Amino acid sequence: MNDKHGLKDKVAGKLKEVEGKVTRDKARELEGKAQQAKGKVKDKANDVKEDLED
């Protein structure tokens, strides 16, 4: 499976963020937010690549 759109990172990041909030683990919450941001960056990079190919 090719994760070129970053969906896996966004979903996993959201789960980590929620886990961190529930357990009051700020490090885990921040790790989740960072992983979500990584997924968003992958999405944007893919959009740019597709625009350049057109």
Protein backbone atom coordinates (compact mmCIF):
# COMPACT_ATOMS: atom_id res chain seq x y z
CA MET A 1 0.00 0.00 0.00
CA ASN A 2 1.34 3.37 -0.98
CA ASP A 3 0.67 6.02 1.67
CA LYS A 4 1.30 8.95 -0.65
CA HIS A 5 -1.55 10.94 0.80
CA GLY A 6 -0.51 10.68 4.43
CA LEU A 7 -3.82 9.22 5.60
CA LYS A 8 -2.10 6.60 7.76
CA ASP A 9 -0.07 9.28 9.56
CA LYS A 10 -3.10 11.50 10.11
CA VAL A 11 -5.20 8.67 11.58
CA ALA A 12 -2.41 7.27 13.75
CA GLY A 13 -1.53 10.77 14.91
CA LYS A 14 -5.12 11.51 15.91
CA LEU A 15 -5.24 8.26 17.91
CA LYS A 16 -2.02 9.18 19.71
CA GLU A 17 -3.30 12.69 20.40
CA VAL A 18 -6.54 11.37 21.91
CA GLU A 19 -4.65 8.75 23.91
CA GLY A 20 -2.41 11.49 25.28
CA LYS A 21 -5.39 13.62 26.27
CA VAL A 22 -7.14 10.71 28.00
CA THR A 23 -4.03 9.66 29.91
CA ARG A 24 -2.88 13.26 30.43
CA ASP A 25 0.40 12.42 28.70
CA LYS A 26 1.47 15.66 27.04
CA ALA A 27 4.41 14.02 25.25
CA ARG A 28 2.12 11.44 23.61
CA GLU A 29 -0.38 14.16 22.69
CA LEU A 30 2.34 16.25 21.05
CA GLU A 31 3.70 13.17 19.27
CA GLY A 32 0.24 12.63 17.80
CA LYS A 33 -0.07 16.23 16.67
CA ALA A 34 3.35 16.02 15.03
CA GLN A 35 2.40 12.83 13.21
CA GLN A 36 -0.81 14.46 11.97
CA ALA A 37 1.23 17.38 10.66
CA LYS A 38 3.49 14.91 8.86
CA GLY A 39 0.45 13.43 7.16
CA LYS A 40 -0.76 16.87 6.10
CA VAL A 41 2.67 17.68 4.65
CA LYS A 42 2.56 14.45 2.64
CA ASP A 43 -0.86 15.48 1.30
CA LYS A 44 0.39 18.91 0.26
CA ALA A 45 3.51 17.47 -1.35
CA ASN A 46 1.37 15.06 -3.33
CA ASP A 47 -0.92 17.91 -4.43
CA VAL A 48 2.06 19.91 -5.66
CA LYS A 49 3.45 16.90 -7.49
CA GLU A 50 0.11 16.29 -9.20
CA ASP A 51 -0.16 19.97 -10.17
CA LEU A 52 3.31 19.88 -11.71
CA GLU A 53 2.46 16.75 -13.69
CA ASP A 54 -0.60 18.42 -15.25
